[in-house]
């Protein structure tokens, strides 16, 4: 349950052929702890197993889509057991050294996002406000990103000593030179620029966002379920053959080399950074 509101971390509702999954920690800008991650996975699997559902929408409650991974709220649960695993890894909580963080992020970060990217039903990310760091992974795992004109995107984790978030899709969702700018500067990318570089499908006024997503979902849902699944597989397989999966595997190793380096040379494995410091660093 959410710390301040006693509400579920993820809301789930179905209307017609569309399941709407909503991140629900608005008091913490929908920062993602593992409890939320597991609840999100459960909601996705519920939608997949419902034969009436043909499209899944992911949204965020409150003022922002998501501020990314939880690095400082009262509900942060980095050292707690998962309760269950979904992608085949074992529990991390009682493991020593680098194994602890490597296993945790294989399961809850990279593994989960790959699992969600490969869901056999089309997914639409409905993004408003902040979409930062770990939130990019949620949006990039979806097949479509529709955002409001007040949305912005950022991956400021180079300040933590890291080469980008774990689901390393940066040079695939934008061109490599723009990906370097995005990471090296760590600044906010406004919605219109995200659209210009090809990272999002559409940008609409904030008050039209939900209606635009609903209309798109309804049109997709008119198509045969199996045809949608096969078409999604075809495009994902093409993207993987362009190198996406191999790139993620390679960069995940670099990511954990960076974590180990920061743990040895600074106050912690993220270089003593906090949500506040990262926010202040972005322009």
C-alpha atoms as a PDB file:
ATOM      1  CA  UNK A   1       0.000   0.000   0.000  1.00  0.00           C
ATOM      2  CA  UNK A   2       1.116   3.582  -0.552  1.00  0.00           C
ATOM      3  CA  UNK A   3       2.682   5.107   2.548  1.00  0.00           C
ATOM      4  CA  UNK A   4       0.592   8.271   2.752  1.00  0.00           C
ATOM      5  CA  UNK A   5      -2.743   7.297   1.232  1.00  0.00           C
ATOM      6  CA  UNK A   6      -3.289   3.607   2.034  1.00  0.00           C
ATOM      7  CA  UNK A   7      -4.087   2.998  -1.623  1.00  0.00           C
ATOM      8  CA  UNK A   8      -2.688   0.245  -3.885  1.00  0.00           C
ATOM      9  CA  UNK A   9       0.591   1.107  -5.593  1.00  0.00           C
ATOM     10  CA  UNK A  10      -1.016   0.266  -8.944  1.00  0.00           C
ATOM     11  CA  UNK A  11      -4.635   0.712 -10.000  1.00  0.00           C
ATOM     12  CA  UNK A  12      -6.299  -1.565 -12.550  1.00  0.00           C
ATOM     13  CA  UNK A  13      -9.513  -1.094 -14.485  1.00  0.00           C
ATOM     14  CA  UNK A  14     -10.983  -2.407 -17.698  1.00  0.00           C
ATOM     15  CA  UNK A  15     -13.317  -0.594 -20.046  1.00  0.00           C
ATOM     16  CA  UNK A  16     -14.362  -2.550 -23.088  1.00  0.00           C
ATOM     17  CA  UNK A  17     -11.266  -4.065 -24.682  1.00  0.00           C
ATOM     18  CA  UNK A  18      -8.814  -1.719 -22.941  1.00  0.00           C
ATOM     19  CA  UNK A  19      -7.101  -2.293 -19.588  1.00  0.00           C
ATOM     20  CA  UNK A  20      -5.846   0.857 -17.873  1.00  0.00           C
ATOM     21  CA  UNK A  21      -2.971   0.376 -15.447  1.00  0.00           C
ATOM     22  CA  UNK A  22      -2.114   3.413 -13.309  1.00  0.00           C
ATOM     23  CA  UNK A  23       0.978   4.012 -11.167  1.00  0.00           C
ATOM     24  CA  UNK A  24      -0.414   5.190  -7.850  1.00  0.00           C
ATOM     25  CA  UNK A  25       2.174   6.786  -5.572  1.00  0.00           C
ATOM     26  CA  UNK A  26       1.343  10.390  -6.532  1.00  0.00           C
ATOM     27  CA  UNK A  27       2.603  11.768  -3.220  1.00  0.00           C
ATOM     28  CA  UNK A  28       6.075  10.573  -4.281  1.00  0.00           C
ATOM     29  CA  UNK A  29       5.699  11.425  -7.976  1.00  0.00           C
ATOM     30  CA  UNK A  30       5.115   7.707  -8.630  1.00  0.00           C
ATOM     31  CA  UNK A  31       8.646   6.756  -7.644  1.00  0.00           C
ATOM     32  CA  UNK A  32       9.026   3.037  -8.319  1.00  0.00           C
ATOM     33  CA  UNK A  33       9.893   0.783  -5.430  1.00  0.00           C
ATOM     34  CA  UNK A  34       9.910  -2.994  -5.905  1.00  0.00           C
ATOM     35  CA  UNK A  35       6.460  -3.238  -4.353  1.00  0.00           C
ATOM     36  CA  UNK A  36       5.131  -1.067  -7.169  1.00  0.00           C
ATOM     37  CA  UNK A  37       7.145  -3.009  -9.759  1.00  0.00           C
ATOM     38  CA  UNK A  38       5.663  -6.329  -8.656  1.00  0.00           C
ATOM     39  CA  UNK A  39       2.167  -4.825  -8.570  1.00  0.00           C
ATOM     40  CA  UNK A  40       2.681  -3.460 -12.083  1.00  0.00           C
ATOM     41  CA  UNK A  41       3.798  -6.856 -13.331  1.00  0.00           C
ATOM     42  CA  UNK A  42       0.755  -8.489 -11.730  1.00  0.00           C
ATOM     43  CA  UNK A  43      -1.542  -5.971 -13.425  1.00  0.00           C
ATOM     44  CA  UNK A  44       0.070  -6.567 -16.802  1.00  0.00           C
ATOM     45  CA  UNK A  45      -0.261 -10.328 -16.431  1.00  0.00           C
ATOM     46  CA  UNK A  46      -3.902  -9.910 -15.409  1.00  0.00           C
ATOM     47  CA  UNK A  47      -4.537  -7.975 -18.616  1.00  0.00           C
ATOM     48  CA  UNK A  48      -2.676 -10.526 -20.735  1.00  0.00           C
ATOM     49  CA  UNK A  49      -4.736 -13.402 -19.336  1.00  0.00           C
ATOM     50  CA  UNK A  50      -8.058 -11.596 -19.888  1.00  0.00           C
ATOM     51  CA  UNK A  51      -9.260 -12.574 -23.365  1.00  0.00           C
ATOM     52  CA  UNK A  52     -11.523  -9.522 -23.489  1.00  0.00           C
ATOM     53  CA  UNK A  53      -8.550  -7.150 -23.169  1.00  0.00           C
ATOM     54  CA  UNK A  54      -6.764  -6.328 -26.413  1.00  0.00           C
ATOM     55  CA  UNK A  55      -4.818  -3.161 -25.494  1.00  0.00           C
ATOM     56  CA  UNK A  56      -3.077  -2.056 -22.274  1.00  0.00           C
ATOM     57  CA  UNK A  57      -2.619   1.596 -21.271  1.00  0.00           C
ATOM     58  CA  UNK A  58      -0.028   2.633 -18.676  1.00  0.00           C
ATOM     59  CA  UNK A  59      -0.552   5.979 -16.946  1.00  0.00           C
ATOM     60  CA  UNK A  60       0.487   7.770 -13.769  1.00  0.00           C
ATOM     61  CA  UNK A  61      -1.703   9.288 -11.059  1.00  0.00           C
ATOM     62  CA  UNK A  62      -1.170  12.854  -9.904  1.00  0.00           C
ATOM     63  CA  UNK A  63       1.014  15.553 -11.444  1.00  0.00           C
ATOM     64  CA  UNK A  64       3.625  13.294 -13.033  1.00  0.00           C
ATOM     65  CA  UNK A  65       3.956  10.026 -14.900  1.00  0.00           C
ATOM     66  CA  UNK A  66       6.926   8.958 -12.765  1.00  0.00           C
ATOM     67  CA  UNK A  67      10.092  10.382 -11.233  1.00  0.00           C
ATOM     68  CA  UNK A  68      11.866   7.052 -11.746  1.00  0.00           C
ATOM     69  CA  UNK A  69      13.291   4.530  -9.329  1.00  0.00           C
ATOM     70  CA  UNK A  70      12.710   5.123  -5.638  1.00  0.00           C
ATOM     71  CA  UNK A  71      15.994   6.379  -4.186  1.00  0.00           C
ATOM     72  CA  UNK A  72      14.695   8.086  -1.066  1.00  0.00           C
ATOM     73  CA  UNK A  73      11.019   7.785  -0.081  1.00  0.00           C
ATOM     74  CA  UNK A  74       9.793   6.154   3.148  1.00  0.00           C
ATOM     75  CA  UNK A  75       8.706   3.168   1.045  1.00  0.00           C
ATOM     76  CA  UNK A  76      12.111   2.443  -0.444  1.00  0.00           C
ATOM     77  CA  UNK A  77      12.603  -1.332  -0.259  1.00  0.00           C
ATOM     78  CA  UNK A  78      15.961  -1.995  -1.911  1.00  0.00           C
ATOM     79  CA  UNK A  79      17.117  -4.477   0.755  1.00  0.00           C
ATOM     80  CA  UNK A  80      13.841  -6.364   1.156  1.00  0.00           C
ATOM     81  CA  UNK A  81      13.044  -9.701  -0.534  1.00  0.00           C
ATOM     82  CA  UNK A  82      10.929  -9.520  -3.669  1.00  0.00           C
ATOM     83  CA  UNK A  83       8.215 -11.805  -2.274  1.00  0.00           C
ATOM     84  CA  UNK A  84       8.145 -13.492  -5.678  1.00  0.00           C
ATOM     85  CA  UNK A  85      10.231 -13.494  -8.832  1.00  0.00           C
ATOM     86  CA  UNK A  86       8.889 -13.179 -12.357  1.00  0.00           C
ATOM     87  CA  UNK A  87      11.853 -13.408 -14.715  1.00  0.00           C
ATOM     88  CA  UNK A  88      13.732 -16.408 -13.314  1.00  0.00           C
ATOM     89  CA  UNK A  89      16.249 -14.869 -10.929  1.00  0.00           C
ATOM     90  CA  UNK A  90      16.605 -15.861  -7.292  1.00  0.00           C
ATOM     91  CA  UNK A  91      16.137 -13.579  -4.302  1.00  0.00           C
ATOM     92  CA  UNK A  92      18.780 -10.901  -3.876  1.00  0.00           C
ATOM     93  CA  UNK A  93      18.196  -9.726  -0.317  1.00  0.00           C
ATOM     94  CA  UNK A  94      20.547 -12.144   1.492  1.00  0.00           C
ATOM     95  CA  UNK A  95      23.306 -12.117  -1.128  1.00  0.00           C
ATOM     96  CA  UNK A  96      26.716 -10.504  -0.485  1.00  0.00           C
ATOM     97  CA  UNK A  97      28.680  -7.915  -2.403  1.00  0.00           C
ATOM     98  CA  UNK A  98      27.979  -7.130  -6.037  1.00  0.00           C
ATOM     99  CA  UNK A  99      25.698 -10.165  -6.318  1.00  0.00           C
ATOM    100  CA  UNK A 100      23.038  -8.383  -4.260  1.00  0.00           C
ATOM    101  CA  UNK A 101      22.572  -5.400  -6.555  1.00  0.00           C
ATOM    102  CA  UNK A 102      23.248  -7.300  -9.797  1.00  0.00           C
ATOM    103  CA  UNK A 103      20.541  -9.882  -9.065  1.00  0.00           C
ATOM    104  CA  UNK A 104      18.088  -7.235  -7.864  1.00  0.00           C
ATOM    105  CA  UNK A 105      18.437  -5.171 -11.019  1.00  0.00           C
ATOM    106  CA  UNK A 106      18.392  -8.207 -13.317  1.00  0.00           C
ATOM    107  CA  UNK A 107      15.012  -9.146 -11.864  1.00  0.00           C
ATOM    108  CA  UNK A 108      13.282  -5.886 -11.009  1.00  0.00           C
ATOM    109  CA  UNK A 109      14.744  -3.576 -13.650  1.00  0.00           C
ATOM    110  CA  UNK A 110      16.162  -5.101 -16.833  1.00  0.00           C
ATOM    111  CA  UNK A 111      14.306  -8.411 -16.574  1.00  0.00           C
ATOM    112  CA  UNK A 112      10.934  -6.868 -15.831  1.00  0.00           C
ATOM    113  CA  UNK A 113      11.180  -4.283 -18.609  1.00  0.00           C
ATOM    114  CA  UNK A 114      12.099  -6.931 -21.150  1.00  0.00           C
ATOM    115  CA  UNK A 115       9.180  -9.044 -19.942  1.00  0.00           C
ATOM    116  CA  UNK A 116       6.829  -6.090 -20.378  1.00  0.00           C
ATOM    117  CA  UNK A 117       8.220  -5.167 -23.790  1.00  0.00           C
ATOM    118  CA  UNK A 118       7.398  -8.693 -24.956  1.00  0.00           C
ATOM    119  CA  UNK A 119       3.812  -8.773 -23.682  1.00  0.00           C
ATOM    120  CA  UNK A 120       1.661 -10.232 -26.473  1.00  0.00           C
ATOM    121  CA  UNK A 121      -0.754  -7.309 -26.357  1.00  0.00           C
ATOM    122  CA  UNK A 122      -0.124  -3.729 -27.553  1.00  0.00           C
ATOM    123  CA  UNK A 123       0.794  -1.260 -24.813  1.00  0.00           C
ATOM    124  CA  UNK A 124       0.481   2.526 -24.774  1.00  0.00           C
ATOM    125  CA  UNK A 125       2.334   4.778 -22.319  1.00  0.00           C
ATOM    126  CA  UNK A 126       0.261   7.854 -21.444  1.00  0.00           C
ATOM    127  CA  UNK A 127       2.914  10.289 -20.208  1.00  0.00           C
ATOM    128  CA  UNK A 128       2.416  13.643 -18.534  1.00  0.00           C
ATOM    129  CA  UNK A 129       4.760  15.731 -16.419  1.00  0.00           C
ATOM    130  CA  UNK A 130       8.016  14.072 -15.416  1.00  0.00           C
ATOM    131  CA  UNK A 131       9.341  10.905 -17.026  1.00  0.00           C
ATOM    132  CA  UNK A 132      12.771  10.559 -15.473  1.00  0.00           C
ATOM    133  CA  UNK A 133      15.405   7.795 -15.444  1.00  0.00           C
ATOM    134  CA  UNK A 134      13.625   4.590 -14.342  1.00  0.00           C
ATOM    135  CA  UNK A 135      10.381   6.012 -15.719  1.00  0.00           C
ATOM    136  CA  UNK A 136      11.931   6.020 -19.184  1.00  0.00           C
ATOM    137  CA  UNK A 137      12.228   2.258 -18.862  1.00  0.00           C
ATOM    138  CA  UNK A 138       8.495   1.932 -18.235  1.00  0.00           C
ATOM    139  CA  UNK A 139       7.619   4.145 -21.189  1.00  0.00           C
ATOM    140  CA  UNK A 140      10.224   2.613 -23.523  1.00  0.00           C
ATOM    141  CA  UNK A 141       8.908  -0.865 -22.739  1.00  0.00           C
ATOM    142  CA  UNK A 142       5.580   0.171 -24.263  1.00  0.00           C
ATOM    143  CA  UNK A 143       4.785   0.013 -27.958  1.00  0.00           C
ATOM    144  CA  UNK A 144       3.553   3.611 -28.155  1.00  0.00           C
ATOM    145  CA  UNK A 145       4.232   6.771 -26.153  1.00  0.00           C
ATOM    146  CA  UNK A 146       1.597   9.492 -26.260  1.00  0.00           C
ATOM    147  CA  UNK A 147       2.509  12.483 -24.129  1.00  0.00           C
ATOM    148  CA  UNK A 148       1.084  15.809 -23.089  1.00  0.00           C
ATOM    149  CA  UNK A 149       2.705  19.069 -24.094  1.00  0.00           C
ATOM    150  CA  UNK A 150       3.906  19.578 -20.503  1.00  0.00           C
ATOM    151  CA  UNK A 151       5.761  16.250 -20.413  1.00  0.00           C
ATOM    152  CA  UNK A 152       9.539  16.102 -20.177  1.00  0.00           C
ATOM    153  CA  UNK A 153      12.084  13.288 -20.288  1.00  0.00           C
ATOM    154  CA  UNK A 154      15.506  12.989 -18.645  1.00  0.00           C
ATOM    155  CA  UNK A 155      18.158  10.455 -17.687  1.00  0.00           C
ATOM    156  CA  UNK A 156      20.480  12.296 -15.281  1.00  0.00           C
ATOM    157  CA  UNK A 157      22.161   9.184 -13.840  1.00  0.00           C
ATOM    158  CA  UNK A 158      25.601   9.944 -15.295  1.00  0.00           C
ATOM    159  CA  UNK A 159      25.836  12.134 -12.168  1.00  0.00           C
ATOM    160  CA  UNK A 160      25.613   8.856 -10.229  1.00  0.00           C
ATOM    161  CA  UNK A 161      28.600   7.557 -12.195  1.00  0.00           C
ATOM    162  CA  UNK A 162      26.346   5.350 -14.344  1.00  0.00           C
ATOM    163  CA  UNK A 163      26.137   5.033 -18.156  1.00  0.00           C
ATOM    164  CA  UNK A 164      22.351   5.423 -18.292  1.00  0.00           C
ATOM    165  CA  UNK A 165      19.485   3.409 -16.864  1.00  0.00           C
ATOM    166  CA  UNK A 166      19.462  -0.397 -16.954  1.00  0.00           C
ATOM    167  CA  UNK A 167      17.047  -0.828 -19.887  1.00  0.00           C
ATOM    168  CA  UNK A 168      19.549   0.839 -22.218  1.00  0.00           C
ATOM    169  CA  UNK A 169      17.462   1.740 -25.256  1.00  0.00           C
ATOM    170  CA  UNK A 170      18.804   5.283 -25.671  1.00  0.00           C
ATOM    171  CA  UNK A 171      20.510   4.959 -29.103  1.00  0.00           C
ATOM    172  CA  UNK A 172      17.458   3.070 -30.412  1.00  0.00           C
ATOM    173  CA  UNK A 173      14.689   5.439 -29.290  1.00  0.00           C
ATOM    174  CA  UNK A 174      16.713   8.429 -30.559  1.00  0.00           C
ATOM    175  CA  UNK A 175      19.796   8.745 -32.730  1.00  0.00           C
ATOM    176  CA  UNK A 176      23.214   8.049 -31.133  1.00  0.00           C
ATOM    177  CA  UNK A 177      24.406  11.678 -31.130  1.00  0.00           C
ATOM    178  CA  UNK A 178      21.230  12.857 -29.451  1.00  0.00           C
ATOM    179  CA  UNK A 179      21.538   9.958 -26.982  1.00  0.00           C
ATOM    180  CA  UNK A 180      24.999  11.213 -26.007  1.00  0.00           C
ATOM    181  CA  UNK A 181      23.665  14.724 -25.477  1.00  0.00           C
ATOM    182  CA  UNK A 182      20.728  13.349 -23.495  1.00  0.00           C
ATOM    183  CA  UNK A 183      23.060  11.396 -21.178  1.00  0.00           C
ATOM    184  CA  UNK A 184      26.133  13.644 -20.940  1.00  0.00           C
ATOM    185  CA  UNK A 185      24.120  16.786 -20.124  1.00  0.00           C
ATOM    186  CA  UNK A 186      21.328  15.040 -18.214  1.00  0.00           C
ATOM    187  CA  UNK A 187      18.928  17.864 -19.033  1.00  0.00           C
ATOM    188  CA  UNK A 188      15.188  17.718 -19.548  1.00  0.00           C
ATOM    189  CA  UNK A 189      14.020  16.921 -23.060  1.00  0.00           C
ATOM    190  CA  UNK A 190      10.699  18.700 -23.702  1.00  0.00           C
ATOM    191  CA  UNK A 191       7.808  16.831 -25.272  1.00  0.00           C
ATOM    192  CA  UNK A 192       8.132  18.488 -28.671  1.00  0.00           C
ATOM    193  CA  UNK A 193      11.836  17.636 -28.912  1.00  0.00           C
ATOM    194  CA  UNK A 194      11.099  14.047 -27.862  1.00  0.00           C
ATOM    195  CA  UNK A 195       8.619  13.892 -30.728  1.00  0.00           C
ATOM    196  CA  UNK A 196      11.081  15.451 -33.174  1.00  0.00           C
ATOM    197  CA  UNK A 197      13.764  12.844 -32.411  1.00  0.00           C
ATOM    198  CA  UNK A 198      11.258  10.005 -32.713  1.00  0.00           C
ATOM    199  CA  UNK A 199      11.023   8.963 -29.060  1.00  0.00           C
ATOM    200  CA  UNK A 200       7.280   9.603 -28.745  1.00  0.00           C
ATOM    201  CA  UNK A 201       4.441   9.059 -31.177  1.00  0.00           C
ATOM    202  CA  UNK A 202       2.299  12.106 -30.474  1.00  0.00           C
ATOM    203  CA  UNK A 203       2.198  15.242 -28.343  1.00  0.00           C
ATOM    204  CA  UNK A 204      -1.194  16.651 -27.388  1.00  0.00           C
ATOM    205  CA  UNK A 205      -2.548  19.283 -24.971  1.00  0.00           C
ATOM    206  CA  UNK A 206      -2.709  18.011 -21.400  1.00  0.00           C
ATOM    207  CA  UNK A 207      -6.499  18.126 -21.260  1.00  0.00           C
ATOM    208  CA  UNK A 208      -6.718  15.992 -24.429  1.00  0.00           C
ATOM    209  CA  UNK A 209      -4.195  13.348 -23.388  1.00  0.00           C
ATOM    210  CA  UNK A 210      -6.488  10.688 -21.925  1.00  0.00           C
ATOM    211  CA  UNK A 211      -9.044  11.057 -24.715  1.00  0.00           C
ATOM    212  CA  UNK A 212      -6.335  10.779 -27.380  1.00  0.00           C
ATOM    213  CA  UNK A 213      -4.952   7.617 -25.804  1.00  0.00           C
ATOM    214  CA  UNK A 214      -8.423   6.123 -25.410  1.00  0.00           C
ATOM    215  CA  UNK A 215      -9.243   6.798 -29.061  1.00  0.00           C
ATOM    216  CA  UNK A 216      -5.987   5.220 -30.228  1.00  0.00           C
ATOM    217  CA  UNK A 217      -6.490   2.195 -27.987  1.00  0.00           C
ATOM    218  CA  UNK A 218     -10.031   1.738 -29.297  1.00  0.00           C
ATOM    219  CA  UNK A 219      -8.847   1.771 -32.912  1.00  0.00           C
ATOM    220  CA  UNK A 220      -6.100  -0.761 -32.208  1.00  0.00           C
ATOM    221  CA  UNK A 221      -8.583  -2.963 -30.344  1.00  0.00           C
ATOM    222  CA  UNK A 222     -10.649  -3.311 -33.523  1.00  0.00           C
ATOM    223  CA  UNK A 223      -7.910  -5.551 -34.975  1.00  0.00           C
ATOM    224  CA  UNK A 224      -7.695  -9.341 -34.422  1.00  0.00           C
ATOM    225  CA  UNK A 225      -5.921 -10.193 -31.168  1.00  0.00           C
ATOM    226  CA  UNK A 226      -3.534 -12.754 -32.671  1.00  0.00           C
ATOM    227  CA  UNK A 227      -2.646 -10.443 -35.571  1.00  0.00           C
ATOM    228  CA  UNK A 228      -1.704  -7.735 -33.081  1.00  0.00           C
ATOM    229  CA  UNK A 229       0.489 -10.168 -31.144  1.00  0.00           C
ATOM    230  CA  UNK A 230       2.273 -11.391 -34.266  1.00  0.00           C
ATOM    231  CA  UNK A 231       2.806  -7.874 -35.607  1.00  0.00           C
ATOM    232  CA  UNK A 232       4.296  -6.791 -32.297  1.00  0.00           C
ATOM    233  CA  UNK A 233       6.586  -9.832 -32.307  1.00  0.00           C
ATOM    234  CA  UNK A 234       7.705  -9.077 -35.844  1.00  0.00           C
ATOM    235  CA  UNK A 235       8.737  -5.516 -35.065  1.00  0.00           C
ATOM    236  CA  UNK A 236      10.369  -6.424 -31.739  1.00  0.00           C
ATOM    237  CA  UNK A 237      12.333  -9.198 -33.447  1.00  0.00           C
ATOM    238  CA  UNK A 238      13.516  -6.754 -36.100  1.00  0.00           C
ATOM    239  CA  UNK A 239      14.641  -4.313 -33.423  1.00  0.00           C
ATOM    240  CA  UNK A 240      16.490  -7.083 -31.579  1.00  0.00           C
ATOM    241  CA  UNK A 241      18.255  -8.053 -34.800  1.00  0.00           C
ATOM    242  CA  UNK A 242      19.371  -4.445 -35.078  1.00  0.00           C
ATOM    243  CA  UNK A 243      21.184  -5.008 -31.798  1.00  0.00           C
ATOM    244  CA  UNK A 244      18.863  -3.824 -29.039  1.00  0.00           C
ATOM    245  CA  UNK A 245      19.026  -6.909 -26.847  1.00  0.00           C
ATOM    246  CA  UNK A 246      22.777  -7.411 -27.241  1.00  0.00           C
ATOM    247  CA  UNK A 247      23.366  -3.738 -26.490  1.00  0.00           C
ATOM    248  CA  UNK A 248      21.342  -3.983 -23.290  1.00  0.00           C
ATOM    249  CA  UNK A 249      23.280  -7.056 -22.163  1.00  0.00           C
ATOM    250  CA  UNK A 250      26.609  -5.345 -22.800  1.00  0.00           C
ATOM    251  CA  UNK A 251      25.660  -2.069 -21.139  1.00  0.00           C
ATOM    252  CA  UNK A 252      24.152  -3.832 -18.123  1.00  0.00           C
ATOM    253  CA  UNK A 253      27.652  -5.133 -17.362  1.00  0.00           C
ATOM    254  CA  UNK A 254      29.072  -1.613 -17.677  1.00  0.00           C
ATOM    255  CA  UNK A 255      26.271  -0.348 -15.454  1.00  0.00           C
ATOM    256  CA  UNK A 256      27.281  -2.715 -12.677  1.00  0.00           C
ATOM    257  CA  UNK A 257      30.969  -2.002 -13.114  1.00  0.00           C
ATOM    258  CA  UNK A 258      29.981   1.632 -12.504  1.00  0.00           C
ATOM    259  CA  UNK A 259      27.957   0.694  -9.402  1.00  0.00           C
ATOM    260  CA  UNK A 260      30.949  -1.231  -8.005  1.00  0.00           C
ATOM    261  CA  UNK A 261      33.308   1.655  -8.763  1.00  0.00           C
ATOM    262  CA  UNK A 262      31.052   4.190  -7.042  1.00  0.00           C
ATOM    263  CA  UNK A 263      30.646   1.926  -4.020  1.00  0.00           C
ATOM    264  CA  UNK A 264      34.437   1.778  -3.696  1.00  0.00           C
ATOM    265  CA  UNK A 265      35.203   5.433  -4.374  1.00  0.00           C
ATOM    266  CA  UNK A 266      32.239   7.383  -2.971  1.00  0.00           C
ATOM    267  CA  UNK A 267      29.757   7.205  -0.134  1.00  0.00           C
ATOM    268  CA  UNK A 268      27.478   4.671  -1.840  1.00  0.00           C
ATOM    269  CA  UNK A 269      26.788   2.857  -5.106  1.00  0.00           C
ATOM    270  CA  UNK A 270      25.042   5.903  -6.637  1.00  0.00           C
ATOM    271  CA  UNK A 271      27.683   8.424  -5.687  1.00  0.00           C
ATOM    272  CA  UNK A 272      25.717   9.988  -2.847  1.00  0.00           C
ATOM    273  CA  UNK A 273      23.110  11.382  -5.225  1.00  0.00           C
ATOM    274  CA  UNK A 274      19.532  11.995  -4.118  1.00  0.00           C
ATOM    275  CA  UNK A 275      16.300  12.806  -5.928  1.00  0.00           C
ATOM    276  CA  UNK A 276      16.688  16.429  -4.863  1.00  0.00           C
ATOM    277  CA  UNK A 277      20.255  16.697  -6.172  1.00  0.00           C
ATOM    278  CA  UNK A 278      19.293  15.141  -9.485  1.00  0.00           C
ATOM    279  CA  UNK A 279      16.331  17.474  -9.852  1.00  0.00           C
ATOM    280  CA  UNK A 280      18.530  20.492  -9.196  1.00  0.00           C
ATOM    281  CA  UNK A 281      21.043  19.320 -11.800  1.00  0.00           C
ATOM    282  CA  UNK A 282      18.574  19.271 -14.688  1.00  0.00           C
ATOM    283  CA  UNK A 283      17.913  22.290 -16.907  1.00  0.00           C
END
